[in-house]
Amino acid sequence: MASLKQRGVSVVLKGYEWLEHRLGLIKPIATAAGHPTPSNNASWWYVFGSAASVLLVLQVVTGILLALVYSPSANEAWGSLQLLNHNVALGWYLRALHGWGSDFMIAIVLIHMVQVFLFGSFKFPRELTWIIGVVLLLLTLGMAFTGQVMRFDQDAYWGLGIGASIMSRIPFIGAPLVHLMLGSPIIGGATLSRFFTLHVFVIPGMLLAGVGLHIWMTLLHGVSEWPMPGRIVSKATYEREYHEMTEKTGIPFVPDAAWKDAVFAASILFAVMACAFFFGPFGPGGPPDPTIIQTAPKPDFAFLWIYAVLAFLPPSIETPVMLVVPVLAIAGMLLLPLIMGEGERHWARRPVAVLMVSVIAVSLGIFTHLGTYTPWSPIMNAWTSDAIPAKYLQGRSPLERQGALVLQNKQCRNCHVLDGAGGQRGPSLDAVASLLTEDQIIRQLLQGGGNMPAYGNALNPSETKALMQFLMTLRGNDLAPAVDASRSLVHADQQSAPVAPAPPAASAPDGKTP
């Protein structure tokens, strides 16, 4: 029996030596796992990074399993999720794990960033580690947003329309960015294919590479020690002092410090599993239909605060706030370690940092709560039952009156004001013909743009013609109709071009002109 046991141990050792000789990875991994860390780092405050990494693995595994069934097609995406929910064994639970894992991952990454900020762990020599962490946070939010689009239900369709509208407001490059994001003038199959590629390949690949680099830099520079009041970070002395501390009081990360990481990560996984079991998956809601505009889409939990902010912002400052504030916030986070790379680390000696975190946390909490019941802004009401005002029908041709009926039946006034009555989501129609040319109106009707969906499939040619003819009569107080300035210039150039002289007339044999 003893000899059999020895033989088994010998086989295992030989297998280990064979793998190590060819891969050369086991010893470096074991050395990295047992790297020394200051003893005061064995704290529950240092467990969030490991938990976020474990949740990323959960997202990758569940995402791969979901991709085996999910169909990234505009016509089949919604149905494939219904199949997962109702026909595939435990498909609903797999979707729930993936959805709740996303929310937990965002929360853990945010808490980790706050902990690093309050502990001053972004200071020298860990500046690049913080910058990579900021990028990982943005990628995590990108995964959540693209994941919501994958449901391709009413919320995803209209939420993507709002996102495209926000992006279109970027000066100079807004329109190309929207076309790059959507893949076409409208939200359709090309849009879903692009977001599927981002969600399944591009962003996860960048996340895995970033996490690997983040871990490598943590091993290279060591985990920052517990901040102590009065212990100043100086580029001239910090690294020497850190290594001396590690040699005197250091403990191996595995197992002395890692057990808390393992316990916390297991608790988070259990919480994700419990939420997935008791609350189920997110959506999908109703199938995407651009003709159904009586809808109030809401984003997922992580983006509810943005939804509430947009609802309460005055229209006059909406665009500047949406375009300027995020850029300044991200730039501030990226530049923080380069500007504040030295100095005090303890939170008690950095009251401004504590105040910033408190204000941001309270604001996010308030706006997230408001986002759970705040109506979509601008508020849209149904005006379909109201007849088109008589003054818009006087002197109109039968075809133009038919267009007025189409305007009423297709619920256009849910989004557009006419004679002071209607929704505020789109621009007023009272003077639309003085602002848009006939070609522009037709294009907007068929292809949509901004917050307006495409109605090319919802209008037959006769309805399109009638509606366009009626809209062309709406010129406010008898304003001049809109014209295409480029065409006017071309026409003027053609008129001002010199006319070539006519060739001399040929003479008949008798000398008379024929």
Protein backbone atom coordinates (compact mmCIF):
# COMPACT_ATOMS: atom_id res chain seq x y z
CA MET A 1 0.00 0.00 0.00
CA ALA A 2 2.83 2.38 0.90
CA SER A 3 4.67 1.55 -2.29
CA LEU A 4 1.48 2.20 -4.32
CA LYS A 5 1.17 5.58 -2.64
CA GLN A 6 4.79 6.44 -3.37
CA ARG A 7 4.29 5.42 -6.98
CA GLY A 8 1.30 7.76 -7.27
CA VAL A 9 3.29 10.66 -5.78
CA SER A 10 6.12 9.92 -8.18
CA VAL A 11 3.77 10.01 -11.17
CA VAL A 12 2.33 13.36 -10.06
CA LEU A 13 5.81 14.84 -9.56
CA LYS A 14 6.94 13.63 -12.96
CA GLY A 15 3.82 15.12 -14.55
CA TYR A 16 4.46 18.42 -12.79
CA GLU A 17 8.12 18.46 -13.89
CA TRP A 18 7.10 17.60 -17.48
CA LEU A 19 4.61 20.50 -17.65
CA GLU A 20 6.92 22.97 -15.90
CA HIS A 21 9.84 22.09 -18.18
CA ARG A 22 7.71 22.80 -21.27
CA LEU A 23 5.53 25.67 -20.07
CA GLY A 24 7.65 27.38 -17.46
CA LEU A 25 4.53 28.98 -15.93
CA ILE A 26 3.83 27.09 -12.73
CA LYS A 27 6.80 28.41 -10.73
CA PRO A 28 6.27 32.07 -11.76
CA ILE A 29 2.57 31.79 -10.87
CA ALA A 30 3.39 30.21 -7.50
CA THR A 31 5.98 32.92 -6.84
CA ALA A 32 3.48 35.66 -7.75
CA ALA A 33 0.79 34.13 -5.53
CA GLY A 34 3.16 34.06 -2.57
CA HIS A 35 4.59 37.53 -3.10
CA PRO A 36 5.10 39.41 0.17
CA THR A 37 2.70 42.16 1.09
CA PRO A 38 2.65 44.47 4.14
CA SER A 39 0.87 42.75 7.02
CA ASN A 40 -1.60 45.62 7.48
CA ASN A 41 -2.93 44.89 3.97
CA ALA A 42 -4.64 41.71 5.22
CA SER A 43 -7.84 43.74 5.57
CA TRP A 44 -11.41 43.50 4.30
CA TRP A 45 -10.84 46.86 2.59
CA TYR A 46 -8.45 45.23 0.11
CA VAL A 47 -10.77 42.54 -1.27
CA PHE A 48 -12.72 44.43 -3.95
CA GLY A 49 -10.19 44.06 -6.78
CA SER A 50 -10.15 40.26 -6.47
CA ALA A 51 -13.96 40.13 -6.36
CA ALA A 52 -14.21 42.23 -9.52
CA SER A 53 -11.83 39.82 -11.31
CA VAL A 54 -13.92 36.82 -10.25
CA LEU A 55 -17.10 38.53 -11.50
CA LEU A 56 -15.38 39.20 -14.84
CA VAL A 57 -14.69 35.47 -15.15
CA LEU A 58 -18.37 34.79 -14.36
CA GLN A 59 -19.42 37.23 -17.11
CA VAL A 60 -17.11 35.61 -19.65
CA VAL A 61 -18.29 32.07 -18.87
CA THR A 62 -22.02 32.90 -18.85
CA GLY A 63 -21.59 35.10 -21.93
CA ILE A 64 -20.03 32.24 -23.90
CA LEU A 65 -22.90 29.92 -22.93
CA LEU A 66 -25.51 32.52 -23.90
CA ALA A 67 -23.82 33.13 -27.25
CA LEU A 68 -24.43 29.46 -28.13
CA VAL A 69 -28.17 30.20 -28.32
CA TYR A 70 -28.43 33.96 -28.90
CA SER A 71 -28.98 35.07 -32.49
CA PRO A 72 -27.55 38.56 -33.26
CA SER A 73 -30.19 39.30 -35.87
CA ALA A 74 -32.73 42.12 -35.74
CA ASN A 75 -35.50 39.66 -36.59
CA GLU A 76 -34.40 36.84 -34.28
CA ALA A 77 -32.67 38.41 -31.25
CA TRP A 78 -35.85 39.00 -29.26
CA GLY A 79 -37.14 35.51 -30.08
CA SER A 80 -33.86 33.84 -29.08
CA LEU A 81 -34.10 35.45 -25.63
CA GLN A 82 -37.68 34.19 -25.30
CA LEU A 83 -36.35 30.76 -26.22
CA LEU A 84 -33.74 31.01 -23.48
CA ASN A 85 -36.33 32.16 -20.96
CA HIS A 86 -38.97 29.51 -21.65
CA ASN A 87 -37.61 26.59 -23.67
CA VAL A 88 -33.95 26.01 -22.77
CA ALA A 89 -33.37 24.22 -19.47
CA LEU A 90 -32.15 26.80 -16.93
CA GLY A 91 -31.75 29.31 -19.76
CA TRP A 92 -33.58 31.92 -17.70
CA TYR A 93 -31.18 31.35 -14.80
CA LEU A 94 -28.16 31.67 -17.08
CA ARG A 95 -29.49 35.01 -18.36
CA ALA A 96 -30.19 36.12 -14.80
CA LEU A 97 -26.65 35.24 -13.68
CA HIS A 98 -25.22 37.26 -16.56
CA GLY A 99 -27.47 40.26 -15.90
CA TRP A 100 -27.04 40.40 -12.14
CA GLY A 101 -23.33 39.70 -12.50
CA SER A 102 -23.07 42.83 -14.63
CA ASP A 103 -24.74 45.02 -11.98
CA PHE A 104 -22.63 43.55 -9.17
CA MET A 105 -19.46 43.99 -11.20
CA ILE A 106 -20.17 47.70 -11.78
CA ALA A 107 -20.86 48.20 -8.07
CA ILE A 108 -17.70 46.35 -6.97
CA VAL A 109 -15.49 48.20 -9.46
CA LEU A 110 -16.90 51.55 -8.27
CA ILE A 111 -16.32 50.65 -4.62
CA HIS A 112 -12.79 49.53 -5.48
CA MET A 113 -12.09 52.86 -7.22
CA VAL A 114 -13.43 54.80 -4.21
CA GLN A 115 -11.29 52.74 -1.82
CA VAL A 116 -8.16 53.33 -3.91
CA PHE A 117 -8.95 57.06 -4.11
CA LEU A 118 -9.58 57.49 -0.38
CA PHE A 119 -6.49 55.45 0.52
CA GLY A 120 -4.35 57.55 -1.85
CA SER A 121 -3.19 54.37 -3.59
CA PHE A 122 -3.08 56.19 -6.94
CA LYS A 123 0.05 58.09 -5.88
CA PHE A 124 3.63 57.28 -6.89
CA PRO A 125 4.61 54.73 -8.14
CA ARG A 126 1.12 53.43 -8.98
CA GLU A 127 -0.05 56.25 -11.27
CA LEU A 128 -0.40 54.03 -14.34
CA THR A 129 -2.18 51.36 -12.29
CA TRP A 130 -4.89 53.94 -11.44
CA ILE A 131 -5.14 55.14 -15.06
CA ILE A 132 -5.65 51.57 -16.27
CA GLY A 133 -8.28 51.14 -13.54
CA VAL A 134 -10.19 54.17 -14.86
CA VAL A 135 -10.14 52.66 -18.35
CA LEU A 136 -11.39 49.35 -16.93
CA LEU A 137 -14.27 51.19 -15.23
CA LEU A 138 -15.28 52.78 -18.54
CA LEU A 139 -15.04 49.42 -20.31
CA THR A 140 -17.22 47.85 -17.61
CA LEU A 141 -19.88 50.53 -18.19
CA GLY A 142 -19.53 49.93 -21.92
CA MET A 143 -20.19 46.22 -21.38
CA ALA A 144 -23.35 47.06 -19.43
CA PHE A 145 -24.66 49.44 -22.10
CA THR A 146 -23.99 47.10 -25.02
CA GLY A 147 -25.51 44.26 -22.99
CA GLN A 148 -28.78 46.17 -22.69
CA VAL A 149 -28.84 46.63 -26.47
CA MET A 150 -28.48 42.85 -26.86
CA ARG A 151 -32.02 42.43 -25.50
CA PHE A 152 -33.26 44.44 -28.51
CA ASP A 153 -36.63 45.14 -26.96
CA GLN A 154 -38.55 48.42 -26.79
CA ASP A 155 -36.32 49.77 -24.01
CA ALA A 156 -33.16 48.85 -25.91
CA TYR A 157 -34.49 50.31 -29.20
CA TRP A 158 -35.52 53.68 -27.80
CA GLY A 159 -32.61 53.83 -25.36
CA LEU A 160 -30.23 53.36 -28.28
CA GLY A 161 -32.09 56.12 -30.11
CA ILE A 162 -31.49 58.45 -27.15
CA GLY A 163 -27.82 57.47 -27.10
CA ALA A 164 -27.53 58.18 -30.82
CA SER A 165 -29.23 61.54 -30.32
CA ILE A 166 -26.74 62.48 -27.60
CA MET A 167 -23.80 61.41 -29.75
CA SER A 168 -25.12 63.36 -32.73
CA ARG A 169 -24.72 66.59 -30.75
CA ILE A 170 -20.92 66.30 -30.69
CA PRO A 171 -19.62 69.11 -32.90
CA PHE A 172 -18.13 68.21 -36.30
CA ILE A 173 -17.88 64.43 -35.74
CA GLY A 174 -21.33 63.72 -34.29
CA ALA A 175 -22.96 62.51 -37.52
CA PRO A 176 -20.08 60.19 -38.55
CA LEU A 177 -19.99 58.72 -35.04
CA VAL A 178 -23.72 57.99 -35.13
CA HIS A 179 -23.37 56.29 -38.51
CA LEU A 180 -20.40 54.31 -37.20
CA MET A 181 -22.42 53.23 -34.16
CA LEU A 182 -25.65 52.35 -35.98
CA GLY A 183 -24.12 51.06 -39.21
CA SER A 184 -26.91 52.68 -41.22
CA PRO A 185 -29.24 55.70 -41.06
CA ILE A 186 -31.67 53.67 -38.92
CA ILE A 187 -31.51 51.23 -35.99
CA GLY A 188 -31.61 47.79 -37.55
CA GLY A 189 -29.73 44.56 -38.22
CA ALA A 190 -26.40 46.28 -38.84
CA THR A 191 -26.72 48.07 -35.50
CA LEU A 192 -27.27 44.86 -33.56
CA SER A 193 -24.37 43.14 -35.34
CA ARG A 194 -22.01 45.94 -34.37
CA PHE A 195 -23.10 45.94 -30.74
CA PHE A 196 -22.87 42.15 -30.61
CA THR A 197 -19.27 42.36 -31.85
CA LEU A 198 -18.48 45.02 -29.25
CA HIS A 199 -20.17 43.13 -26.42
CA VAL A 200 -18.83 39.67 -27.18
CA PHE A 201 -15.38 40.26 -28.69
CA VAL A 202 -13.98 43.79 -28.52
CA ILE A 203 -14.81 44.99 -24.99
CA PRO A 204 -14.26 41.62 -23.22
CA GLY A 205 -10.91 41.26 -24.99
CA MET A 206 -9.86 44.73 -23.86
CA LEU A 207 -11.13 44.01 -20.34
CA LEU A 208 -9.18 40.77 -20.03
CA ALA A 209 -6.02 42.39 -21.38
CA GLY A 210 -6.48 45.39 -19.08
CA VAL A 211 -7.09 43.23 -16.01
CA GLY A 212 -3.99 41.18 -16.81
CA LEU A 213 -1.91 44.35 -17.12
CA HIS A 214 -3.50 45.74 -13.95
CA ILE A 215 -2.57 42.61 -11.97
CA TRP A 216 0.95 42.61 -13.38
CA MET A 217 1.50 46.22 -12.30
CA THR A 218 0.11 45.42 -8.85
CA LEU A 219 2.66 42.61 -8.53
CA LEU A 220 5.43 44.83 -9.87
CA HIS A 221 4.88 47.73 -7.49
CA GLY A 222 3.24 45.82 -4.65
CA VAL A 223 -0.11 46.40 -2.98
CA SER A 224 -0.13 49.81 -1.33
CA GLU A 225 0.21 49.66 2.42
CA TRP A 226 -2.46 50.86 4.82
CA PRO A 227 -2.28 54.69 4.87
CA MET A 228 -1.02 56.24 8.08
CA PRO A 229 -1.45 59.92 9.05
CA GLY A 230 1.76 61.83 8.53
CA ARG A 231 3.39 59.20 6.30
CA ILE A 232 4.12 61.27 3.19
CA VAL A 233 4.64 59.80 -0.27
CA SER A 234 7.87 61.12 -1.78
CA LYS A 235 9.29 59.96 -5.08
CA ALA A 236 12.78 60.13 -3.62
CA THR A 237 12.18 57.79 -0.66
CA TYR A 238 8.87 55.90 -1.03
CA GLU A 239 10.07 52.80 -2.90
CA ARG A 240 12.98 52.25 -0.51
CA GLU A 241 10.70 52.66 2.52
CA TYR A 242 8.09 50.30 1.03
CA HIS A 243 10.63 47.54 0.41
CA GLU A 244 12.04 47.91 3.91
CA MET A 245 8.52 47.62 5.35
CA THR A 246 7.81 44.54 3.25
CA GLU A 247 11.01 42.84 4.39
CA LYS A 248 10.30 43.54 8.06
CA THR A 249 6.54 42.99 8.33
CA GLY A 250 5.64 41.35 5.01
CA ILE A 251 3.45 38.26 4.82
CA PRO A 252 2.85 36.02 1.78
CA PHE A 253 -0.30 37.02 -0.08
CA VAL A 254 -1.27 33.34 -0.38
CA PRO A 255 -2.49 32.14 2.04
CA ASP A 256 -2.14 34.78 4.79
CA ALA A 257 -3.97 37.61 3.02
CA ALA A 258 -5.75 35.84 0.15
CA TRP A 259 -8.25 33.97 2.33
CA LYS A 260 -10.23 37.17 2.91
CA ASP A 261 -10.29 37.81 -0.83
CA ALA A 262 -11.56 34.27 -1.39
CA VAL A 263 -14.27 34.54 1.28
CA PHE A 264 -15.50 37.90 -0.01
CA ALA A 265 -15.47 36.77 -3.67
CA ALA A 266 -17.43 33.63 -2.73
CA SER A 267 -19.96 35.77 -0.82
CA ILE A 268 -20.44 38.04 -3.84
CA LEU A 269 -20.91 35.03 -6.14
CA PHE A 270 -23.49 33.62 -3.72
CA ALA A 271 -25.30 36.99 -3.70
CA VAL A 272 -25.36 37.05 -7.52
CA MET A 273 -26.73 33.50 -7.60
CA ALA A 274 -29.40 34.38 -5.01
CA CYS A 275 -30.52 37.52 -6.88
CA ALA A 276 -30.61 35.56 -10.13
CA PHE A 277 -32.77 32.86 -8.54
CA PHE A 278 -35.23 35.10 -6.70
CA PHE A 279 -35.52 38.03 -9.12
CA GLY A 280 -34.83 36.34 -12.46
CA PRO A 281 -33.40 37.85 -15.67
CA PHE A 282 -33.85 41.36 -17.06
CA GLY A 283 -36.40 41.44 -19.87
CA PRO A 284 -36.79 41.31 -22.68
CA GLY A 285 -39.74 43.70 -22.76
CA GLY A 286 -41.95 44.12 -25.79
CA PRO A 287 -40.42 43.42 -29.20
CA PRO A 288 -38.84 46.50 -30.84
CA ASP A 289 -41.37 48.41 -32.93
CA PRO A 290 -40.56 51.97 -34.05
CA THR A 291 -44.23 52.62 -34.79
CA ILE A 292 -45.18 52.18 -31.11
CA ILE A 293 -44.14 55.49 -29.65
CA GLN A 294 -46.33 55.37 -26.53
CA THR A 295 -43.41 54.02 -24.57
CA ALA A 296 -41.28 55.17 -21.66
CA PRO A 297 -37.98 53.30 -21.91
CA LYS A 298 -35.74 53.10 -18.88
CA PRO A 299 -32.07 52.09 -18.88
CA ASP A 300 -30.60 49.45 -16.63
CA PHE A 301 -29.85 50.27 -13.00
CA ALA A 302 -26.32 51.54 -13.61
CA PHE A 303 -27.55 54.27 -15.96
CA LEU A 304 -30.72 55.38 -14.16
CA TRP A 305 -28.94 58.43 -12.75
CA ILE A 306 -28.14 59.66 -16.28
CA TYR A 307 -31.79 59.16 -17.21
CA ALA A 308 -32.91 61.29 -14.24
CA VAL A 309 -30.34 64.03 -14.89
CA LEU A 310 -31.50 64.36 -18.50
CA ALA A 311 -35.11 64.54 -17.32
CA PHE A 312 -34.42 67.47 -14.98
CA LEU A 313 -31.92 69.45 -17.05
CA PRO A 314 -33.32 72.63 -18.66
CA PRO A 315 -33.25 72.30 -22.46
CA SER A 316 -30.98 75.35 -22.78
CA ILE A 317 -28.07 73.68 -20.95
CA GLU A 318 -28.78 70.05 -21.79
CA THR A 319 -26.32 69.74 -24.67
CA PRO A 320 -23.39 71.56 -22.98
CA VAL A 321 -23.80 69.48 -19.83
CA MET A 322 -23.97 66.18 -21.74
CA LEU A 323 -20.91 66.98 -23.85
CA VAL A 324 -18.68 68.87 -21.40
CA VAL A 325 -19.20 67.32 -17.95
CA PRO A 326 -18.32 63.69 -18.86
CA VAL A 327 -15.17 64.81 -20.69
CA LEU A 328 -14.04 66.90 -17.73
CA ALA A 329 -14.82 64.12 -15.25
CA ILE A 330 -12.88 61.47 -17.19
CA ALA A 331 -9.98 63.83 -17.85
CA GLY A 332 -9.85 64.71 -14.15
CA MET A 333 -9.70 61.04 -13.16
CA LEU A 334 -6.95 60.29 -15.67
CA LEU A 335 -4.85 63.31 -14.69
CA LEU A 336 -5.35 62.89 -10.93
CA PRO A 337 -2.25 60.73 -10.23
CA LEU A 338 -0.08 62.89 -12.48
CA ILE A 339 -1.06 66.05 -10.60
CA MET A 340 -1.37 64.63 -7.07
CA GLY A 341 1.32 61.95 -7.27
CA GLU A 342 2.96 62.83 -3.95
CA GLY A 343 1.91 63.91 -0.49
CA GLU A 344 -0.46 62.72 2.23
CA ARG A 345 -2.42 59.49 1.69
CA HIS A 346 -4.60 59.19 4.80
CA TRP A 347 -8.22 60.24 4.26
CA ALA A 348 -8.29 62.20 7.54
CA ARG A 349 -5.63 64.51 6.14
CA ARG A 350 -7.46 64.89 2.79
CA PRO A 351 -10.87 66.43 3.62
CA VAL A 352 -11.44 67.61 0.06
CA ALA A 353 -11.19 64.03 -1.21
CA VAL A 354 -13.67 62.82 1.42
CA LEU A 355 -16.06 65.66 0.58
CA MET A 356 -15.85 64.88 -3.16
CA VAL A 357 -16.64 61.20 -2.61
CA SER A 358 -19.54 62.06 -0.27
CA VAL A 359 -21.12 64.55 -2.68
CA ILE A 360 -20.76 62.24 -5.67
CA ALA A 361 -22.12 59.22 -3.77
CA VAL A 362 -25.14 61.12 -2.43
CA SER A 363 -25.85 62.66 -5.85
CA LEU A 364 -25.67 59.30 -7.63
CA GLY A 365 -27.94 57.75 -5.01
CA ILE A 366 -30.53 60.52 -5.28
CA PHE A 367 -30.59 60.58 -9.07
CA THR A 368 -30.68 56.78 -9.27
CA HIS A 369 -33.70 56.77 -6.98
CA LEU A 370 -35.37 59.52 -9.01
CA GLY A 371 -34.66 57.57 -12.18
CA THR A 372 -36.85 54.69 -10.97
CA TYR A 373 -40.02 56.77 -11.35
CA THR A 374 -39.06 59.92 -13.27
CA PRO A 375 -41.03 60.12 -16.54
CA TRP A 376 -39.15 60.20 -19.81
CA SER A 377 -38.34 63.80 -20.63
CA PRO A 378 -39.61 65.58 -22.64
CA ILE A 379 -43.01 64.31 -21.52
CA MET A 380 -45.07 62.82 -24.34
CA ASN A 381 -48.87 62.78 -24.30
CA ALA A 382 -51.26 61.10 -26.74
CA TRP A 383 -53.01 63.58 -29.02
CA THR A 384 -54.27 61.19 -31.68
CA SER A 385 -57.92 61.66 -30.75
CA ASP A 386 -57.75 65.42 -31.37
CA ALA A 387 -58.73 66.52 -34.85
CA ILE A 388 -56.34 68.57 -36.95
CA PRO A 389 -57.29 72.26 -36.44
CA ALA A 390 -59.64 73.52 -39.15
CA LYS A 391 -57.33 76.38 -40.15
CA TYR A 392 -54.79 73.83 -41.39
CA LEU A 393 -57.39 72.30 -43.73
CA GLN A 394 -58.79 75.42 -45.35
CA GLY A 395 -57.87 75.75 -49.01
CA ARG A 396 -56.06 72.40 -48.99
CA SER A 397 -56.34 69.92 -51.83
CA PRO A 398 -57.90 66.47 -51.25
CA LEU A 399 -54.41 64.93 -51.23
CA GLU A 400 -53.20 67.41 -48.61
CA ARG A 401 -56.26 66.74 -46.44
CA GLN A 402 -55.55 63.04 -46.75
CA GLY A 403 -52.05 63.81 -45.46
CA ALA A 404 -53.57 65.58 -42.44
CA LEU A 405 -55.53 62.42 -41.71
CA VAL A 406 -52.33 60.34 -41.95
CA LEU A 407 -50.66 62.76 -39.50
CA GLN A 408 -53.50 62.13 -37.05
CA ASN A 409 -53.78 58.37 -37.50
CA LYS A 410 -50.04 57.72 -37.25
CA GLN A 411 -49.86 59.54 -33.90
CA CYS A 412 -47.33 62.09 -35.14
CA ARG A 413 -48.66 64.59 -32.61
CA ASN A 414 -47.54 62.34 -29.78
CA CYS A 415 -44.08 63.76 -30.41
CA HIS A 416 -44.68 66.98 -32.36
CA VAL A 417 -46.56 70.17 -31.52
CA LEU A 418 -49.11 71.50 -33.99
CA ASP A 419 -50.95 74.73 -33.17
CA GLY A 420 -49.60 74.64 -29.62
CA ALA A 421 -50.87 71.12 -28.84
CA GLY A 422 -48.84 67.92 -28.91
CA GLY A 423 -45.78 66.24 -27.47
CA GLN A 424 -42.49 67.96 -26.77
CA ARG A 425 -40.19 65.15 -27.84
CA GLY A 426 -39.72 66.40 -31.39
CA PRO A 427 -39.66 69.86 -33.01
CA SER A 428 -42.86 71.78 -33.77
CA LEU A 429 -44.47 71.16 -37.16
CA ASP A 430 -46.09 74.58 -37.55
CA ALA A 431 -43.32 75.87 -39.82
CA VAL A 432 -41.63 72.64 -40.86
CA ALA A 433 -41.85 73.44 -44.60
CA SER A 434 -39.89 76.65 -44.06
CA LEU A 435 -37.13 74.73 -42.28
CA LEU A 436 -36.85 71.54 -44.34
CA THR A 437 -37.01 71.01 -48.09
CA GLU A 438 -39.27 68.42 -49.67
CA ASP A 439 -36.36 65.99 -50.06
CA GLN A 440 -35.35 66.45 -46.42
CA ILE A 441 -38.90 65.84 -45.20
CA ILE A 442 -39.18 62.63 -47.23
CA ARG A 443 -35.82 61.42 -45.94
CA GLN A 444 -36.80 62.17 -42.33
CA LEU A 445 -40.09 60.32 -42.74
CA LEU A 446 -38.53 57.22 -44.27
CA GLN A 447 -35.16 56.98 -42.48
CA GLY A 448 -35.71 58.92 -39.27
CA GLY A 449 -32.85 60.56 -37.43
CA GLY A 450 -32.07 61.90 -33.99
CA ASN A 451 -34.83 60.76 -31.63
CA MET A 452 -37.23 60.07 -34.52
CA PRO A 453 -37.61 56.45 -35.63
CA ALA A 454 -37.76 55.44 -39.28
CA TYR A 455 -41.28 55.11 -40.67
CA GLY A 456 -40.29 53.68 -44.06
CA ASN A 457 -41.93 50.36 -43.19
CA ALA A 458 -44.94 51.92 -41.45
CA LEU A 459 -46.11 54.12 -44.37
CA ASN A 460 -47.14 52.95 -47.80
CA PRO A 461 -46.18 55.12 -50.80
CA SER A 462 -49.58 56.83 -51.01
CA GLU A 463 -49.54 57.70 -47.30
CA THR A 464 -45.99 59.02 -47.60
CA LYS A 465 -46.95 61.19 -50.57
CA ALA A 466 -50.07 62.57 -48.87
CA LEU A 467 -48.30 63.27 -45.57
CA MET A 468 -45.43 64.97 -47.35
CA GLN A 469 -47.83 67.17 -49.34
CA PHE A 470 -49.62 68.25 -46.15
CA LEU A 471 -46.36 68.98 -44.32
CA MET A 472 -45.22 71.13 -47.24
CA THR A 473 -48.20 73.43 -46.55
CA LEU A 474 -47.03 74.12 -42.97
CA ARG A 475 -44.98 77.31 -43.31
CA GLY A 476 -45.97 79.26 -40.20
CA ASN A 477 -47.04 82.82 -40.94
CA ASP A 478 -46.79 82.40 -44.72
CA LEU A 479 -43.01 82.04 -44.58
CA ALA A 480 -41.11 81.20 -47.74
CA PRO A 481 -40.59 77.49 -48.33
CA ALA A 482 -37.18 76.05 -47.52
CA VAL A 483 -34.80 75.75 -50.47
CA ASP A 484 -31.64 73.78 -51.03
CA ALA A 485 -28.94 76.46 -51.09
CA SER A 486 -26.48 74.19 -52.90
CA ARG A 487 -28.94 73.63 -55.74
CA SER A 488 -29.60 77.37 -55.98
CA LEU A 489 -25.88 78.03 -56.36
CA VAL A 490 -25.55 75.39 -59.07
CA HIS A 491 -28.52 76.87 -60.93
CA ALA A 492 -27.06 80.37 -60.61
CA ASP A 493 -23.70 79.17 -61.92
CA GLN A 494 -25.39 77.57 -64.91
CA GLN A 495 -27.29 80.79 -65.66
CA SER A 496 -24.18 82.97 -65.39
CA ALA A 497 -22.02 80.69 -67.52
CA PRO A 498 -21.08 82.23 -70.94
CA VAL A 499 -23.10 80.94 -73.87
CA ALA A 500 -21.03 79.66 -76.78
CA PRO A 501 -21.73 81.50 -80.07
CA ALA A 502 -23.83 79.62 -82.58
CA PRO A 503 -21.98 78.28 -85.64
CA PRO A 504 -22.42 80.32 -88.86
CA ALA A 505 -25.37 79.26 -90.92
CA ALA A 506 -24.60 77.39 -94.11
CA SER A 507 -25.48 79.15 -97.41
CA ALA A 508 -27.51 77.59 -100.14
CA PRO A 509 -26.08 77.40 -103.68
CA ASP A 510 -28.18 80.43 -104.66
CA GLY A 511 -26.60 82.46 -101.82
CA LYS A 512 -29.72 82.43 -99.60
CA THR A 513 -29.74 81.16 -96.09
CA PRO A 514 -31.75 77.93 -95.87
